[in-house]
């Protein structure tokens, strides 16, 4: 089948920018892996925009992060010297995006422990979305674990996918659905046009003045499939989440001790901290894991067409008062 005109190599490249924030005191070991991953996805260092967060302007880790980024060719590096809260960090990232993004740009939004996985080159996906009128691509978060779920240190080599080879669904099996957290927290906005801003946590577009047109037809968290691990593992847009490391328990404990912690962060942390104190790792028998031989659908366009048809049907049923 011939490609759409918007997907041919003769089209000019779509400008794609990476926006992120790094907490240098605990997340510095992730940074070199992060930059390599997104360079390999085709984002040049000149289009990477990185916030470095710490409370200490004289921190040796801040200096190390700046040196690493300079060596990598990343020029837009900004210091954010303040106590971290989720609300303030996402406000900083929205402000940064609004400062650097121009009409026609597309944004990849990723935390430093998140490696996006796409079923096709970013340029092809952007051009397809532009040709169809979609401006927001979401994916499911997939937790990456070390062998036996041990909380090990992040090393410089090998690649994180080798250090943390187990693909898992951790949050829903261990924390379930709470008053302030649930399936929404297991999705992420990955790729979107310049005028779409991410909400706190980056799970959905920010509400104020947004008109998102999702590739899947609706927020992923609204589909019944989100509750089934096999469906999450098979979805071709995913965020490999490398946060179950040696610093995980300290990160959670710091979060609950910080004034201004979000209700979702507090509730979730208070469930996970006792588990980690008890077991010291993620027991694989307590979570869902993906079989290494499980296949993913090859036609991502057709799969998302099915999602859009499902979303449309649900919308009609609600309109008719049948759901």
C-alpha atoms as a PDB file:
ATOM      1  CA  UNK A   1       0.000   0.000   0.000  1.00  0.00           C
ATOM      2  CA  UNK A   2       1.538   3.403  -0.932  1.00  0.00           C
ATOM      3  CA  UNK A   3       2.364   5.823   1.829  1.00  0.00           C
ATOM      4  CA  UNK A   4       0.377   9.002   2.349  1.00  0.00           C
ATOM      5  CA  UNK A   5       2.010  12.056   0.752  1.00  0.00           C
ATOM      6  CA  UNK A   6       2.689  13.309   4.284  1.00  0.00           C
ATOM      7  CA  UNK A   7       4.922  10.301   4.981  1.00  0.00           C
ATOM      8  CA  UNK A   8       7.312  10.507   2.047  1.00  0.00           C
ATOM      9  CA  UNK A   9      10.985  11.302   2.468  1.00  0.00           C
ATOM     10  CA  UNK A  10      10.655  14.388   0.243  1.00  0.00           C
ATOM     11  CA  UNK A  11       8.670  16.245   2.906  1.00  0.00           C
ATOM     12  CA  UNK A  12      10.593  18.679   5.104  1.00  0.00           C
ATOM     13  CA  UNK A  13      11.432  17.363   8.558  1.00  0.00           C
ATOM     14  CA  UNK A  14       8.996  18.136  11.356  1.00  0.00           C
ATOM     15  CA  UNK A  15      10.854  20.029  14.131  1.00  0.00           C
ATOM     16  CA  UNK A  16      10.770  17.854  17.267  1.00  0.00           C
ATOM     17  CA  UNK A  17      11.918  19.096  20.672  1.00  0.00           C
ATOM     18  CA  UNK A  18      12.628  17.192  23.886  1.00  0.00           C
ATOM     19  CA  UNK A  19      11.587  18.852  27.175  1.00  0.00           C
ATOM     20  CA  UNK A  20      12.567  17.330  30.509  1.00  0.00           C
ATOM     21  CA  UNK A  21      13.632  17.944  34.101  1.00  0.00           C
ATOM     22  CA  UNK A  22      16.373  16.118  36.016  1.00  0.00           C
ATOM     23  CA  UNK A  23      16.616  15.958  39.804  1.00  0.00           C
ATOM     24  CA  UNK A  24      20.397  15.828  39.885  1.00  0.00           C
ATOM     25  CA  UNK A  25      20.796  14.575  43.464  1.00  0.00           C
ATOM     26  CA  UNK A  26      19.089  11.223  42.789  1.00  0.00           C
ATOM     27  CA  UNK A  27      18.716  10.969  39.008  1.00  0.00           C
ATOM     28  CA  UNK A  28      22.156  11.885  37.667  1.00  0.00           C
ATOM     29  CA  UNK A  29      23.095   8.252  36.746  1.00  0.00           C
ATOM     30  CA  UNK A  30      20.146   8.179  34.316  1.00  0.00           C
ATOM     31  CA  UNK A  31      21.211  11.269  32.395  1.00  0.00           C
ATOM     32  CA  UNK A  32      23.760   9.855  29.939  1.00  0.00           C
ATOM     33  CA  UNK A  33      21.397   6.971  29.071  1.00  0.00           C
ATOM     34  CA  UNK A  34      18.582   9.467  28.584  1.00  0.00           C
ATOM     35  CA  UNK A  35      20.496  11.697  26.161  1.00  0.00           C
ATOM     36  CA  UNK A  36      21.734   8.717  24.121  1.00  0.00           C
ATOM     37  CA  UNK A  37      18.258   7.239  23.879  1.00  0.00           C
ATOM     38  CA  UNK A  38      16.609  10.372  22.512  1.00  0.00           C
ATOM     39  CA  UNK A  39      19.509  11.109  20.164  1.00  0.00           C
ATOM     40  CA  UNK A  40      18.977   7.609  18.794  1.00  0.00           C
ATOM     41  CA  UNK A  41      15.290   8.483  18.254  1.00  0.00           C
ATOM     42  CA  UNK A  42      16.413  11.323  16.014  1.00  0.00           C
ATOM     43  CA  UNK A  43      16.249  14.364  18.308  1.00  0.00           C
ATOM     44  CA  UNK A  44      19.404  16.473  17.933  1.00  0.00           C
ATOM     45  CA  UNK A  45      21.014  17.968  21.078  1.00  0.00           C
ATOM     46  CA  UNK A  46      20.164  21.437  19.738  1.00  0.00           C
ATOM     47  CA  UNK A  47      16.474  20.568  20.191  1.00  0.00           C
ATOM     48  CA  UNK A  48      16.847  19.262  23.759  1.00  0.00           C
ATOM     49  CA  UNK A  49      15.726  21.564  26.581  1.00  0.00           C
ATOM     50  CA  UNK A  50      16.680  20.380  30.066  1.00  0.00           C
ATOM     51  CA  UNK A  51      15.874  21.724  33.534  1.00  0.00           C
ATOM     52  CA  UNK A  52      18.308  20.712  36.289  1.00  0.00           C
ATOM     53  CA  UNK A  53      16.765  20.710  39.753  1.00  0.00           C
ATOM     54  CA  UNK A  54      18.468  20.853  43.119  1.00  0.00           C
ATOM     55  CA  UNK A  55      18.191  22.932  46.278  1.00  0.00           C
ATOM     56  CA  UNK A  56      21.945  23.582  46.310  1.00  0.00           C
ATOM     57  CA  UNK A  57      23.401  25.787  43.594  1.00  0.00           C
ATOM     58  CA  UNK A  58      26.891  24.608  44.634  1.00  0.00           C
ATOM     59  CA  UNK A  59      25.975  20.916  44.342  1.00  0.00           C
ATOM     60  CA  UNK A  60      28.757  18.810  42.761  1.00  0.00           C
ATOM     61  CA  UNK A  61      26.051  16.787  41.030  1.00  0.00           C
ATOM     62  CA  UNK A  62      24.667  19.926  39.406  1.00  0.00           C
ATOM     63  CA  UNK A  63      28.122  20.722  38.075  1.00  0.00           C
ATOM     64  CA  UNK A  64      28.526  17.130  36.849  1.00  0.00           C
ATOM     65  CA  UNK A  65      25.152  17.217  35.060  1.00  0.00           C
ATOM     66  CA  UNK A  66      26.020  20.511  33.330  1.00  0.00           C
ATOM     67  CA  UNK A  67      29.379  19.122  32.220  1.00  0.00           C
ATOM     68  CA  UNK A  68      27.781  15.948  30.854  1.00  0.00           C
ATOM     69  CA  UNK A  69      25.182  17.912  28.896  1.00  0.00           C
ATOM     70  CA  UNK A  70      27.787  20.298  27.504  1.00  0.00           C
ATOM     71  CA  UNK A  71      29.895  17.354  26.362  1.00  0.00           C
ATOM     72  CA  UNK A  72      26.776  15.863  24.731  1.00  0.00           C
ATOM     73  CA  UNK A  73      26.118  19.081  22.808  1.00  0.00           C
ATOM     74  CA  UNK A  74      22.984  20.117  24.730  1.00  0.00           C
ATOM     75  CA  UNK A  75      23.013  23.908  24.879  1.00  0.00           C
ATOM     76  CA  UNK A  76      19.661  24.810  26.463  1.00  0.00           C
ATOM     77  CA  UNK A  77      20.311  23.794  30.064  1.00  0.00           C
ATOM     78  CA  UNK A  78      18.544  25.679  32.832  1.00  0.00           C
ATOM     79  CA  UNK A  79      18.998  25.595  36.585  1.00  0.00           C
ATOM     80  CA  UNK A  80      15.946  25.347  38.790  1.00  0.00           C
ATOM     81  CA  UNK A  81      17.123  25.862  42.360  1.00  0.00           C
ATOM     82  CA  UNK A  82      14.121  25.028  44.547  1.00  0.00           C
ATOM     83  CA  UNK A  83      12.459  22.308  46.568  1.00  0.00           C
ATOM     84  CA  UNK A  84      10.860  19.838  44.180  1.00  0.00           C
ATOM     85  CA  UNK A  85       7.124  19.227  44.100  1.00  0.00           C
ATOM     86  CA  UNK A  86       5.230  17.702  41.213  1.00  0.00           C
ATOM     87  CA  UNK A  87       3.037  20.781  40.761  1.00  0.00           C
ATOM     88  CA  UNK A  88       5.975  23.173  40.596  1.00  0.00           C
ATOM     89  CA  UNK A  89       8.050  20.932  38.323  1.00  0.00           C
ATOM     90  CA  UNK A  90       5.301  20.547  35.735  1.00  0.00           C
ATOM     91  CA  UNK A  91       4.638  24.288  35.870  1.00  0.00           C
ATOM     92  CA  UNK A  92       8.329  24.822  35.118  1.00  0.00           C
ATOM     93  CA  UNK A  93       8.178  22.403  32.190  1.00  0.00           C
ATOM     94  CA  UNK A  94       5.076  24.017  30.709  1.00  0.00           C
ATOM     95  CA  UNK A  95       6.755  27.416  30.953  1.00  0.00           C
ATOM     96  CA  UNK A  96       9.900  26.064  29.280  1.00  0.00           C
ATOM     97  CA  UNK A  97       7.867  24.518  26.476  1.00  0.00           C
ATOM     98  CA  UNK A  98       6.015  27.764  25.864  1.00  0.00           C
ATOM     99  CA  UNK A  99       9.330  29.637  25.686  1.00  0.00           C
ATOM    100  CA  UNK A 100      11.050  27.355  23.173  1.00  0.00           C
ATOM    101  CA  UNK A 101       8.288  25.797  21.053  1.00  0.00           C
ATOM    102  CA  UNK A 102       7.171  27.491  17.861  1.00  0.00           C
ATOM    103  CA  UNK A 103       4.133  26.778  15.665  1.00  0.00           C
ATOM    104  CA  UNK A 104       4.795  23.596  13.735  1.00  0.00           C
ATOM    105  CA  UNK A 105       7.032  22.090  16.436  1.00  0.00           C
ATOM    106  CA  UNK A 106       6.245  18.781  18.079  1.00  0.00           C
ATOM    107  CA  UNK A 107       7.232  18.007  21.668  1.00  0.00           C
ATOM    108  CA  UNK A 108       8.548  14.821  23.227  1.00  0.00           C
ATOM    109  CA  UNK A 109       7.890  15.054  26.971  1.00  0.00           C
ATOM    110  CA  UNK A 110       9.844  12.563  29.076  1.00  0.00           C
ATOM    111  CA  UNK A 111      11.184  12.285  32.615  1.00  0.00           C
ATOM    112  CA  UNK A 112      14.847  11.321  32.825  1.00  0.00           C
ATOM    113  CA  UNK A 113      13.930   7.749  33.854  1.00  0.00           C
ATOM    114  CA  UNK A 114      11.531   7.350  30.904  1.00  0.00           C
ATOM    115  CA  UNK A 115      12.617   5.944  27.540  1.00  0.00           C
ATOM    116  CA  UNK A 116       9.903   6.246  24.907  1.00  0.00           C
ATOM    117  CA  UNK A 117       9.354   3.364  22.529  1.00  0.00           C
ATOM    118  CA  UNK A 118       7.660   4.069  19.195  1.00  0.00           C
ATOM    119  CA  UNK A 119       6.604   1.600  16.488  1.00  0.00           C
ATOM    120  CA  UNK A 120       7.936   3.831  13.687  1.00  0.00           C
ATOM    121  CA  UNK A 121      10.356   6.759  13.274  1.00  0.00           C
ATOM    122  CA  UNK A 122       9.210   9.947  14.986  1.00  0.00           C
ATOM    123  CA  UNK A 123       9.064  11.817  11.689  1.00  0.00           C
ATOM    124  CA  UNK A 124       6.702   9.231  10.219  1.00  0.00           C
ATOM    125  CA  UNK A 125       4.424   9.354  13.261  1.00  0.00           C
ATOM    126  CA  UNK A 126       4.324  13.161  13.302  1.00  0.00           C
ATOM    127  CA  UNK A 127       3.534  13.344   9.594  1.00  0.00           C
ATOM    128  CA  UNK A 128       0.786  10.757   9.939  1.00  0.00           C
ATOM    129  CA  UNK A 129      -0.770  12.674  12.835  1.00  0.00           C
ATOM    130  CA  UNK A 130      -0.565  15.936  10.895  1.00  0.00           C
ATOM    131  CA  UNK A 131      -2.230  14.362   7.876  1.00  0.00           C
ATOM    132  CA  UNK A 132      -5.123  13.064  10.023  1.00  0.00           C
ATOM    133  CA  UNK A 133      -5.543  16.008  12.393  1.00  0.00           C
ATOM    134  CA  UNK A 134      -4.249  14.350  15.571  1.00  0.00           C
ATOM    135  CA  UNK A 135      -2.100  16.399  17.933  1.00  0.00           C
ATOM    136  CA  UNK A 136      -1.495  14.132  20.936  1.00  0.00           C
ATOM    137  CA  UNK A 137       0.011  10.640  21.237  1.00  0.00           C
ATOM    138  CA  UNK A 138      -0.261   8.747  24.518  1.00  0.00           C
ATOM    139  CA  UNK A 139       1.316   5.500  25.637  1.00  0.00           C
ATOM    140  CA  UNK A 140       1.242   3.080  28.529  1.00  0.00           C
ATOM    141  CA  UNK A 141       3.945   3.127  31.182  1.00  0.00           C
ATOM    142  CA  UNK A 142       5.843  -0.152  31.396  1.00  0.00           C
ATOM    143  CA  UNK A 143       7.952  -0.675  34.513  1.00  0.00           C
ATOM    144  CA  UNK A 144      11.425  -2.036  33.841  1.00  0.00           C
ATOM    145  CA  UNK A 145      12.885  -4.231  36.561  1.00  0.00           C
ATOM    146  CA  UNK A 146      16.239  -5.835  37.202  1.00  0.00           C
ATOM    147  CA  UNK A 147      16.463  -9.605  37.458  1.00  0.00           C
ATOM    148  CA  UNK A 148      14.382 -10.812  40.427  1.00  0.00           C
ATOM    149  CA  UNK A 149      13.078  -7.271  40.927  1.00  0.00           C
ATOM    150  CA  UNK A 150      16.152  -6.160  42.879  1.00  0.00           C
ATOM    151  CA  UNK A 151      16.551  -2.392  43.367  1.00  0.00           C
ATOM    152  CA  UNK A 152      20.029  -2.042  41.894  1.00  0.00           C
ATOM    153  CA  UNK A 153      22.155   0.967  41.018  1.00  0.00           C
ATOM    154  CA  UNK A 154      22.067   2.406  37.508  1.00  0.00           C
ATOM    155  CA  UNK A 155      25.425   1.741  35.817  1.00  0.00           C
ATOM    156  CA  UNK A 156      26.974   3.580  32.871  1.00  0.00           C
ATOM    157  CA  UNK A 157      27.009   0.376  30.817  1.00  0.00           C
ATOM    158  CA  UNK A 158      25.361  -1.646  29.411  1.00  0.00           C
ATOM    159  CA  UNK A 159      22.168  -0.020  28.116  1.00  0.00           C
ATOM    160  CA  UNK A 160      19.321   0.243  30.639  1.00  0.00           C
ATOM    161  CA  UNK A 161      17.255  -2.294  28.714  1.00  0.00           C
ATOM    162  CA  UNK A 162      19.933  -4.869  29.561  1.00  0.00           C
ATOM    163  CA  UNK A 163      20.353  -3.747  33.168  1.00  0.00           C
ATOM    164  CA  UNK A 164      16.568  -3.872  33.698  1.00  0.00           C
ATOM    165  CA  UNK A 165      15.339  -6.572  31.291  1.00  0.00           C
ATOM    166  CA  UNK A 166      11.993  -7.451  32.916  1.00  0.00           C
ATOM    167  CA  UNK A 167       8.926  -5.658  31.509  1.00  0.00           C
ATOM    168  CA  UNK A 168       6.325  -5.390  34.251  1.00  0.00           C
ATOM    169  CA  UNK A 169       3.108  -3.779  35.406  1.00  0.00           C
ATOM    170  CA  UNK A 170       3.875  -2.759  38.996  1.00  0.00           C
ATOM    171  CA  UNK A 171       1.595   0.077  40.112  1.00  0.00           C
ATOM    172  CA  UNK A 172      -1.834  -1.416  39.455  1.00  0.00           C
ATOM    173  CA  UNK A 173      -1.065  -4.817  41.051  1.00  0.00           C
ATOM    174  CA  UNK A 174       0.668  -3.292  44.116  1.00  0.00           C
ATOM    175  CA  UNK A 175      -1.306  -0.084  44.658  1.00  0.00           C
ATOM    176  CA  UNK A 176      -4.589  -0.710  42.837  1.00  0.00           C
ATOM    177  CA  UNK A 177      -7.065   2.133  42.506  1.00  0.00           C
ATOM    178  CA  UNK A 178      -7.141   4.779  45.211  1.00  0.00           C
ATOM    179  CA  UNK A 179      -8.939   8.023  45.906  1.00  0.00           C
ATOM    180  CA  UNK A 180      -6.281   9.988  44.003  1.00  0.00           C
ATOM    181  CA  UNK A 181      -4.553   7.472  41.751  1.00  0.00           C
ATOM    182  CA  UNK A 182      -5.468   4.718  39.331  1.00  0.00           C
ATOM    183  CA  UNK A 183      -5.253   3.945  35.629  1.00  0.00           C
ATOM    184  CA  UNK A 184      -4.621   7.576  34.674  1.00  0.00           C
ATOM    185  CA  UNK A 185      -1.270   7.407  36.443  1.00  0.00           C
ATOM    186  CA  UNK A 186      -0.175   4.518  34.241  1.00  0.00           C
ATOM    187  CA  UNK A 187      -0.466   6.491  30.983  1.00  0.00           C
ATOM    188  CA  UNK A 188       1.682   9.302  29.590  1.00  0.00           C
ATOM    189  CA  UNK A 189       1.425  11.942  26.918  1.00  0.00           C
ATOM    190  CA  UNK A 190       4.491  11.148  24.834  1.00  0.00           C
ATOM    191  CA  UNK A 191       4.400  13.244  21.677  1.00  0.00           C
ATOM    192  CA  UNK A 192       2.250  16.275  20.930  1.00  0.00           C
ATOM    193  CA  UNK A 193       2.031  19.512  18.988  1.00  0.00           C
ATOM    194  CA  UNK A 194       3.522  22.731  20.354  1.00  0.00           C
ATOM    195  CA  UNK A 195       0.173  24.068  21.625  1.00  0.00           C
ATOM    196  CA  UNK A 196      -0.645  21.041  23.810  1.00  0.00           C
ATOM    197  CA  UNK A 197       0.676  21.319  27.373  1.00  0.00           C
ATOM    198  CA  UNK A 198       1.120  18.372  29.761  1.00  0.00           C
ATOM    199  CA  UNK A 199      -0.753  18.202  33.058  1.00  0.00           C
ATOM    200  CA  UNK A 200       0.838  17.415  36.424  1.00  0.00           C
ATOM    201  CA  UNK A 201       2.460  14.008  36.099  1.00  0.00           C
ATOM    202  CA  UNK A 202       2.409  14.255  32.318  1.00  0.00           C
ATOM    203  CA  UNK A 203      -0.404  11.707  32.124  1.00  0.00           C
ATOM    204  CA  UNK A 204      -2.837  13.839  30.119  1.00  0.00           C
ATOM    205  CA  UNK A 205      -2.962  17.250  28.441  1.00  0.00           C
ATOM    206  CA  UNK A 206      -3.403  20.211  30.738  1.00  0.00           C
ATOM    207  CA  UNK A 207      -7.079  21.122  30.936  1.00  0.00           C
ATOM    208  CA  UNK A 208      -7.067  24.901  30.514  1.00  0.00           C
ATOM    209  CA  UNK A 209      -7.748  25.896  26.919  1.00  0.00           C
ATOM    210  CA  UNK A 210      -6.611  22.585  25.449  1.00  0.00           C
ATOM    211  CA  UNK A 211      -8.165  20.898  22.439  1.00  0.00           C
ATOM    212  CA  UNK A 212      -6.440  17.518  22.269  1.00  0.00           C
ATOM    213  CA  UNK A 213      -7.130  15.206  19.352  1.00  0.00           C
ATOM    214  CA  UNK A 214      -5.775  11.869  20.487  1.00  0.00           C
ATOM    215  CA  UNK A 215      -4.243   9.370  18.087  1.00  0.00           C
ATOM    216  CA  UNK A 216      -6.241   6.702  19.960  1.00  0.00           C
ATOM    217  CA  UNK A 217      -9.461   8.759  19.813  1.00  0.00           C
ATOM    218  CA  UNK A 218      -9.655   9.381  23.587  1.00  0.00           C
ATOM    219  CA  UNK A 219      -7.523   9.300  26.722  1.00  0.00           C
ATOM    220  CA  UNK A 220      -5.984   5.849  27.065  1.00  0.00           C
ATOM    221  CA  UNK A 221      -7.119   5.692  30.697  1.00  0.00           C
ATOM    222  CA  UNK A 222     -10.760   5.651  29.530  1.00  0.00           C
ATOM    223  CA  UNK A 223     -10.426   2.362  27.631  1.00  0.00           C
ATOM    224  CA  UNK A 224     -11.295  -0.854  29.442  1.00  0.00           C
ATOM    225  CA  UNK A 225      -8.103  -2.447  28.039  1.00  0.00           C
ATOM    226  CA  UNK A 226      -5.975  -0.345  30.378  1.00  0.00           C
ATOM    227  CA  UNK A 227      -6.819  -2.712  33.240  1.00  0.00           C
ATOM    228  CA  UNK A 228      -5.412  -5.790  31.493  1.00  0.00           C
ATOM    229  CA  UNK A 229      -1.617  -6.256  31.521  1.00  0.00           C
ATOM    230  CA  UNK A 230      -1.516  -8.135  28.215  1.00  0.00           C
ATOM    231  CA  UNK A 231      -3.191  -5.182  26.455  1.00  0.00           C
ATOM    232  CA  UNK A 232      -0.797  -2.721  28.070  1.00  0.00           C
ATOM    233  CA  UNK A 233       2.246  -4.769  27.085  1.00  0.00           C
ATOM    234  CA  UNK A 234       1.061  -5.134  23.491  1.00  0.00           C
ATOM    235  CA  UNK A 235       0.315  -1.458  22.819  1.00  0.00           C
ATOM    236  CA  UNK A 236       3.071  -0.219  20.489  1.00  0.00           C
ATOM    237  CA  UNK A 237       3.418   3.255  22.058  1.00  0.00           C
ATOM    238  CA  UNK A 238       4.922   2.791  25.479  1.00  0.00           C
ATOM    239  CA  UNK A 239       7.145   4.452  28.058  1.00  0.00           C
ATOM    240  CA  UNK A 240       9.799   2.184  29.524  1.00  0.00           C
ATOM    241  CA  UNK A 241      10.038   3.395  33.115  1.00  0.00           C
ATOM    242  CA  UNK A 242      13.419   2.849  34.773  1.00  0.00           C
ATOM    243  CA  UNK A 243      12.599   4.060  38.265  1.00  0.00           C
ATOM    244  CA  UNK A 244      12.741   0.818  40.285  1.00  0.00           C
ATOM    245  CA  UNK A 245      16.385   1.367  41.166  1.00  0.00           C
ATOM    246  CA  UNK A 246      18.513   1.696  44.314  1.00  0.00           C
ATOM    247  CA  UNK A 247      17.222   5.252  44.892  1.00  0.00           C
ATOM    248  CA  UNK A 248      13.518   4.410  44.623  1.00  0.00           C
ATOM    249  CA  UNK A 249      12.744   4.115  48.329  1.00  0.00           C
ATOM    250  CA  UNK A 250      14.653   7.322  49.126  1.00  0.00           C
ATOM    251  CA  UNK A 251      12.741   9.135  46.378  1.00  0.00           C
ATOM    252  CA  UNK A 252       9.379   8.041  47.782  1.00  0.00           C
ATOM    253  CA  UNK A 253      10.341   8.930  51.347  1.00  0.00           C
ATOM    254  CA  UNK A 254      11.573  12.353  50.245  1.00  0.00           C
ATOM    255  CA  UNK A 255       8.312  12.906  48.386  1.00  0.00           C
ATOM    256  CA  UNK A 256       6.061  12.281  51.394  1.00  0.00           C
ATOM    257  CA  UNK A 257       8.260  14.478  53.618  1.00  0.00           C
ATOM    258  CA  UNK A 258       8.087  17.479  51.274  1.00  0.00           C
ATOM    259  CA  UNK A 259       5.391  20.101  51.909  1.00  0.00           C
ATOM    260  CA  UNK A 260       3.173  20.489  48.864  1.00  0.00           C
ATOM    261  CA  UNK A 261       3.305  16.839  47.812  1.00  0.00           C
ATOM    262  CA  UNK A 262       0.380  16.024  45.532  1.00  0.00           C
ATOM    263  CA  UNK A 263      -2.488  13.921  46.950  1.00  0.00           C
ATOM    264  CA  UNK A 264      -1.771  11.226  44.359  1.00  0.00           C
ATOM    265  CA  UNK A 265       1.928  11.175  45.181  1.00  0.00           C
ATOM    266  CA  UNK A 266       1.243  10.967  48.913  1.00  0.00           C
ATOM    267  CA  UNK A 267      -1.329   8.206  48.619  1.00  0.00           C
ATOM    268  CA  UNK A 268       0.749   6.140  46.220  1.00  0.00           C
ATOM    269  CA  UNK A 269       3.962   6.540  48.213  1.00  0.00           C
ATOM    270  CA  UNK A 270       2.272   5.523  51.447  1.00  0.00           C
ATOM    271  CA  UNK A 271       1.308   2.250  49.773  1.00  0.00           C
ATOM    272  CA  UNK A 272       4.664   1.526  48.168  1.00  0.00           C
ATOM    273  CA  UNK A 273       7.034   2.476  51.000  1.00  0.00           C
ATOM    274  CA  UNK A 274       5.802  -0.247  53.418  1.00  0.00           C
ATOM    275  CA  UNK A 275       6.038  -2.810  50.618  1.00  0.00           C
ATOM    276  CA  UNK A 276       9.652  -1.873  49.871  1.00  0.00           C
ATOM    277  CA  UNK A 277      10.555  -1.857  53.575  1.00  0.00           C
ATOM    278  CA  UNK A 278       9.121  -5.347  53.907  1.00  0.00           C
ATOM    279  CA  UNK A 279      10.579  -6.949  50.793  1.00  0.00           C
ATOM    280  CA  UNK A 280      13.450  -4.693  49.734  1.00  0.00           C
ATOM    281  CA  UNK A 281      12.609  -5.358  46.077  1.00  0.00           C
ATOM    282  CA  UNK A 282       9.686  -5.898  43.715  1.00  0.00           C
ATOM    283  CA  UNK A 283       8.754  -9.550  43.999  1.00  0.00           C
ATOM    284  CA  UNK A 284       7.975 -10.734  40.483  1.00  0.00           C
ATOM    285  CA  UNK A 285       5.234 -13.018  41.789  1.00  0.00           C
ATOM    286  CA  UNK A 286       3.379  -9.920  43.066  1.00  0.00           C
ATOM    287  CA  UNK A 287       3.219  -8.113  39.713  1.00  0.00           C
ATOM    288  CA  UNK A 288       2.373  -8.812  36.091  1.00  0.00           C
ATOM    289  CA  UNK A 289       5.308  -9.423  33.752  1.00  0.00           C
ATOM    290  CA  UNK A 290       5.500  -9.706  29.986  1.00  0.00           C
ATOM    291  CA  UNK A 291       6.725 -12.898  28.398  1.00  0.00           C
ATOM    292  CA  UNK A 292       9.822 -12.184  26.272  1.00  0.00           C
ATOM    293  CA  UNK A 293       8.201 -14.151  23.431  1.00  0.00           C
ATOM    294  CA  UNK A 294       4.919 -12.195  23.445  1.00  0.00           C
ATOM    295  CA  UNK A 295       4.323 -10.407  20.137  1.00  0.00           C
ATOM    296  CA  UNK A 296       3.251  -6.819  19.605  1.00  0.00           C
ATOM    297  CA  UNK A 297       0.902  -5.792  16.765  1.00  0.00           C
ATOM    298  CA  UNK A 298       2.821  -4.769  13.666  1.00  0.00           C
ATOM    299  CA  UNK A 299       0.250  -2.340  12.212  1.00  0.00           C
ATOM    300  CA  UNK A 300       0.065   0.581  14.636  1.00  0.00           C
ATOM    301  CA  UNK A 301      -2.238   2.592  12.361  1.00  0.00           C
ATOM    302  CA  UNK A 302      -4.863  -0.153  12.252  1.00  0.00           C
ATOM    303  CA  UNK A 303      -4.639  -0.748  15.999  1.00  0.00           C
ATOM    304  CA  UNK A 304      -5.287   2.918  16.732  1.00  0.00           C
ATOM    305  CA  UNK A 305      -8.145   2.924  14.222  1.00  0.00           C
ATOM    306  CA  UNK A 306      -9.770   0.199  16.334  1.00  0.00           C
ATOM    307  CA  UNK A 307      -9.242   2.330  19.443  1.00  0.00           C
ATOM    308  CA  UNK A 308     -10.809   5.355  17.738  1.00  0.00           C
ATOM    309  CA  UNK A 309     -13.824   3.330  16.617  1.00  0.00           C
ATOM    310  CA  UNK A 310     -14.233   2.020  20.154  1.00  0.00           C
ATOM    311  CA  UNK A 311     -14.045   5.552  21.550  1.00  0.00           C
ATOM    312  CA  UNK A 312     -16.601   6.765  19.029  1.00  0.00           C
ATOM    313  CA  UNK A 313     -18.972   3.914  19.906  1.00  0.00           C
ATOM    314  CA  UNK A 314     -18.675   4.647  23.620  1.00  0.00           C
ATOM    315  CA  UNK A 315     -19.384   8.310  22.909  1.00  0.00           C
ATOM    316  CA  UNK A 316     -22.519   7.430  20.970  1.00  0.00           C
ATOM    317  CA  UNK A 317     -23.737   5.099  23.708  1.00  0.00           C
ATOM    318  CA  UNK A 318     -23.302   7.866  26.268  1.00  0.00           C
ATOM    319  CA  UNK A 319     -25.103  10.310  23.984  1.00  0.00           C
ATOM    320  CA  UNK A 320     -28.011   7.919  23.699  1.00  0.00           C
ATOM    321  CA  UNK A 321     -28.071   7.302  27.453  1.00  0.00           C
ATOM    322  CA  UNK A 322     -27.097   3.655  27.082  1.00  0.00           C
ATOM    323  CA  UNK A 323     -23.893   3.902  29.086  1.00  0.00           C
END
